[in-house]
N, C-alpha and C. Protein backbone atom coordinates (compact mmCIF):
# COMPACT_ATOMS: atom_id res chain seq x y z
N UNK A 1 -8.50 -3.26 -30.25
CA UNK A 1 -9.10 -3.53 -28.96
C UNK A 1 -8.24 -4.48 -28.14
N UNK A 2 -7.65 -5.48 -28.79
CA UNK A 2 -6.79 -6.42 -28.06
C UNK A 2 -5.54 -5.72 -27.55
N UNK A 3 -5.03 -4.75 -28.31
CA UNK A 3 -3.84 -4.01 -27.87
C UNK A 3 -4.15 -3.25 -26.59
N UNK A 4 -5.30 -2.59 -26.54
CA UNK A 4 -5.69 -1.85 -25.34
C UNK A 4 -5.86 -2.79 -24.15
N UNK A 5 -6.46 -3.93 -24.37
CA UNK A 5 -6.65 -4.90 -23.29
C UNK A 5 -5.31 -5.42 -22.79
N UNK A 6 -4.38 -5.64 -23.70
CA UNK A 6 -3.05 -6.09 -23.31
C UNK A 6 -2.30 -5.05 -22.51
N UNK A 7 -2.43 -3.79 -22.94
CA UNK A 7 -1.77 -2.70 -22.21
C UNK A 7 -2.37 -2.51 -20.82
N UNK A 8 -3.70 -2.60 -20.71
CA UNK A 8 -4.34 -2.48 -19.41
C UNK A 8 -3.95 -3.63 -18.49
N UNK A 9 -3.82 -4.80 -19.04
CA UNK A 9 -3.39 -5.96 -18.25
C UNK A 9 -1.96 -5.77 -17.75
N UNK A 10 -1.08 -5.27 -18.62
CA UNK A 10 0.30 -5.01 -18.22
C UNK A 10 0.37 -3.91 -17.15
N UNK A 11 -0.46 -2.88 -17.30
CA UNK A 11 -0.52 -1.81 -16.31
C UNK A 11 -0.98 -2.35 -14.96
N UNK A 12 -2.01 -3.18 -14.98
CA UNK A 12 -2.51 -3.77 -13.74
C UNK A 12 -1.44 -4.63 -13.07
N UNK A 13 -0.70 -5.41 -13.87
CA UNK A 13 0.38 -6.23 -13.33
C UNK A 13 1.46 -5.35 -12.69
N UNK A 14 1.77 -4.24 -13.33
CA UNK A 14 2.79 -3.33 -12.80
C UNK A 14 2.35 -2.69 -11.49
N UNK A 15 1.10 -2.28 -11.42
CA UNK A 15 0.58 -1.66 -10.20
C UNK A 15 0.58 -2.68 -9.06
N UNK A 16 0.18 -3.91 -9.34
CA UNK A 16 0.19 -4.95 -8.31
C UNK A 16 1.62 -5.24 -7.83
N UNK A 17 2.58 -5.21 -8.75
CA UNK A 17 3.98 -5.43 -8.37
C UNK A 17 4.48 -4.29 -7.48
N UNK A 18 4.08 -3.07 -7.79
CA UNK A 18 4.47 -1.91 -6.97
C UNK A 18 3.86 -2.04 -5.58
N UNK A 19 2.58 -2.40 -5.50
CA UNK A 19 1.93 -2.56 -4.20
C UNK A 19 2.61 -3.66 -3.39
N UNK A 20 2.96 -4.75 -4.03
CA UNK A 20 3.64 -5.85 -3.33
C UNK A 20 5.00 -5.40 -2.83
N UNK A 21 5.71 -4.62 -3.63
CA UNK A 21 7.03 -4.13 -3.22
C UNK A 21 6.91 -3.15 -2.05
N UNK A 22 5.94 -2.25 -2.11
CA UNK A 22 5.74 -1.30 -1.02
C UNK A 22 5.45 -2.01 0.29
N UNK A 23 4.77 -3.15 0.22
CA UNK A 23 4.44 -3.91 1.43
C UNK A 23 5.69 -4.48 2.10
N UNK A 24 6.78 -4.60 1.35
CA UNK A 24 8.01 -5.19 1.91
C UNK A 24 8.98 -4.14 2.43
N UNK A 25 8.74 -2.88 2.13
CA UNK A 25 9.67 -1.80 2.52
C UNK A 25 9.41 -1.41 3.97
N UNK A 26 10.48 -1.14 4.72
CA UNK A 26 10.31 -0.72 6.11
C UNK A 26 9.75 0.71 6.17
N UNK A 27 9.24 1.07 7.34
CA UNK A 27 8.54 2.35 7.48
C UNK A 27 9.43 3.57 7.20
N UNK A 28 10.69 3.50 7.59
CA UNK A 28 11.60 4.62 7.33
C UNK A 28 11.78 4.88 5.85
N UNK A 29 11.91 3.83 5.08
CA UNK A 29 12.07 3.99 3.63
C UNK A 29 10.77 4.47 2.98
N UNK A 30 9.63 4.02 3.51
CA UNK A 30 8.36 4.52 2.99
C UNK A 30 8.24 6.02 3.20
N UNK A 31 8.60 6.47 4.40
CA UNK A 31 8.54 7.90 4.70
C UNK A 31 9.53 8.69 3.83
N UNK A 32 10.72 8.12 3.61
CA UNK A 32 11.71 8.79 2.76
C UNK A 32 11.21 8.87 1.32
N UNK A 33 10.61 7.81 0.84
CA UNK A 33 10.05 7.81 -0.52
C UNK A 33 8.94 8.84 -0.64
N UNK A 34 8.11 8.91 0.38
CA UNK A 34 7.02 9.89 0.38
C UNK A 34 7.58 11.31 0.34
N UNK A 35 8.66 11.56 1.07
CA UNK A 35 9.28 12.89 1.08
C UNK A 35 9.88 13.25 -0.27
N UNK A 36 10.29 12.27 -1.04
CA UNK A 36 10.89 12.52 -2.37
C UNK A 36 9.85 12.77 -3.45
N UNK A 37 8.62 12.39 -3.20
CA UNK A 37 7.58 12.53 -4.22
C UNK A 37 7.18 14.00 -4.35
N UNK A 38 6.76 14.41 -5.55
CA UNK A 38 6.34 15.80 -5.73
C UNK A 38 5.09 16.10 -4.91
N UNK A 39 5.00 17.31 -4.40
CA UNK A 39 3.86 17.68 -3.56
C UNK A 39 2.59 17.87 -4.39
N UNK A 40 2.75 18.19 -5.64
CA UNK A 40 1.60 18.35 -6.54
C UNK A 40 1.78 17.44 -7.74
N UNK A 41 0.76 16.65 -8.01
CA UNK A 41 0.80 15.74 -9.14
C UNK A 41 -0.48 15.90 -9.95
N UNK A 42 -0.37 15.65 -11.22
CA UNK A 42 -1.54 15.69 -12.09
C UNK A 42 -2.41 14.47 -11.80
N UNK A 43 -3.71 14.68 -11.74
CA UNK A 43 -4.64 13.58 -11.49
C UNK A 43 -4.45 12.50 -12.56
N UNK A 44 -4.33 11.27 -12.11
CA UNK A 44 -4.17 10.15 -13.03
C UNK A 44 -2.74 9.88 -13.45
N UNK A 45 -1.80 10.71 -13.00
CA UNK A 45 -0.40 10.52 -13.38
C UNK A 45 0.21 9.39 -12.57
N UNK A 46 1.36 8.92 -13.02
CA UNK A 46 2.07 7.86 -12.32
C UNK A 46 2.44 8.31 -10.91
N UNK A 47 2.81 9.57 -10.77
CA UNK A 47 3.16 10.09 -9.44
C UNK A 47 1.96 10.05 -8.50
N UNK A 48 0.79 10.40 -9.00
CA UNK A 48 -0.42 10.38 -8.18
C UNK A 48 -0.76 8.95 -7.75
N UNK A 49 -0.64 8.02 -8.67
CA UNK A 49 -0.91 6.62 -8.34
C UNK A 49 0.05 6.13 -7.27
N UNK A 50 1.32 6.47 -7.42
CA UNK A 50 2.33 6.07 -6.44
C UNK A 50 2.04 6.70 -5.08
N UNK A 51 1.68 7.98 -5.05
CA UNK A 51 1.35 8.64 -3.79
C UNK A 51 0.17 7.96 -3.09
N UNK A 52 -0.84 7.61 -3.85
CA UNK A 52 -2.01 6.95 -3.27
C UNK A 52 -1.61 5.63 -2.63
N UNK A 53 -0.80 4.85 -3.33
CA UNK A 53 -0.38 3.56 -2.78
C UNK A 53 0.55 3.73 -1.58
N UNK A 54 1.39 4.75 -1.60
CA UNK A 54 2.25 5.03 -0.45
C UNK A 54 1.40 5.38 0.77
N UNK A 55 0.46 6.30 0.60
CA UNK A 55 -0.40 6.70 1.71
C UNK A 55 -1.20 5.50 2.24
N UNK A 56 -1.72 4.69 1.33
CA UNK A 56 -2.49 3.51 1.76
C UNK A 56 -1.63 2.54 2.57
N UNK A 57 -0.40 2.32 2.13
CA UNK A 57 0.49 1.40 2.85
C UNK A 57 0.82 1.94 4.24
N UNK A 58 1.10 3.24 4.32
CA UNK A 58 1.42 3.85 5.61
C UNK A 58 0.20 3.79 6.54
N UNK A 59 -0.97 4.11 6.02
CA UNK A 59 -2.19 4.07 6.84
C UNK A 59 -2.52 2.65 7.28
N UNK A 60 -2.33 1.69 6.42
CA UNK A 60 -2.59 0.29 6.77
C UNK A 60 -1.70 -0.14 7.92
N UNK A 61 -0.43 0.23 7.86
CA UNK A 61 0.49 -0.13 8.94
C UNK A 61 0.12 0.57 10.24
N UNK A 62 -0.28 1.82 10.17
CA UNK A 62 -0.69 2.53 11.38
C UNK A 62 -1.94 1.91 11.97
N UNK A 63 -2.88 1.55 11.12
CA UNK A 63 -4.13 0.95 11.57
C UNK A 63 -3.87 -0.43 12.17
N UNK A 64 -2.99 -1.22 11.56
CA UNK A 64 -2.69 -2.55 12.06
C UNK A 64 -2.02 -2.51 13.42
N UNK A 65 -1.26 -1.46 13.70
CA UNK A 65 -0.60 -1.33 15.00
C UNK A 65 -1.57 -0.96 16.11
N UNK A 66 -2.75 -0.46 15.75
CA UNK A 66 -3.72 -0.02 16.75
C UNK A 66 -4.85 -1.03 16.97
N UNK A 67 -4.78 -2.18 16.34
CA UNK A 67 -5.86 -3.15 16.42
C UNK A 67 -5.55 -4.18 17.50
N UNK A 68 -6.53 -4.41 18.37
CA UNK A 68 -6.40 -5.44 19.39
C UNK A 68 -7.18 -6.67 18.96
N UNK A 69 -6.70 -7.86 19.31
CA UNK A 69 -7.44 -9.06 18.93
C UNK A 69 -8.76 -9.13 19.68
N UNK A 70 -9.79 -9.59 19.04
CA UNK A 70 -11.09 -9.71 19.66
C UNK A 70 -11.70 -11.04 19.29
N UNK A 71 -12.23 -11.80 20.17
CA UNK A 71 -12.23 -11.58 21.61
C UNK A 71 -10.86 -11.88 22.21
N UNK A 72 -10.62 -11.30 23.36
CA UNK A 72 -9.33 -11.51 24.01
C UNK A 72 -9.20 -12.97 24.42
N UNK A 73 -7.99 -13.49 24.26
CA UNK A 73 -7.75 -14.88 24.64
C UNK A 73 -7.72 -14.99 26.15
N UNK A 74 -8.37 -16.03 26.66
CA UNK A 74 -8.38 -16.26 28.09
C UNK A 74 -7.17 -17.09 28.46
N UNK A 75 -6.59 -16.81 29.61
CA UNK A 75 -5.46 -17.61 30.07
C UNK A 75 -5.99 -18.71 30.98
N UNK A 76 -5.38 -19.84 30.92
CA UNK A 76 -5.76 -20.97 31.77
C UNK A 76 -6.85 -21.81 31.13
N UNK A 77 -7.10 -22.98 31.73
CA UNK A 77 -8.10 -23.90 31.17
C UNK A 77 -9.53 -23.40 31.43
N UNK A 78 -10.42 -23.80 30.58
CA UNK A 78 -11.83 -23.46 30.76
C UNK A 78 -12.44 -24.39 31.80
N UNK A 79 -13.37 -23.90 32.67
CA UNK A 79 -13.98 -24.76 33.70
C UNK A 79 -14.96 -25.74 33.13
């Protein structure tokens, strides 16, 4: 049981490291990496996990570019 827990912990650490690395890659490299990935992956495979994280990173960046601050900052002093 401890071996399984250790392996799951190592897997979680690896996935978090991949997500952190994907967050630092520019958009062109993300798109190139996505193009290199297989179009069909087995559910639960490493390729599928990577594809999910790639899509999430790309969608997060697209969503962040479309968000406006709310409430809008007022210019000038308040009366």
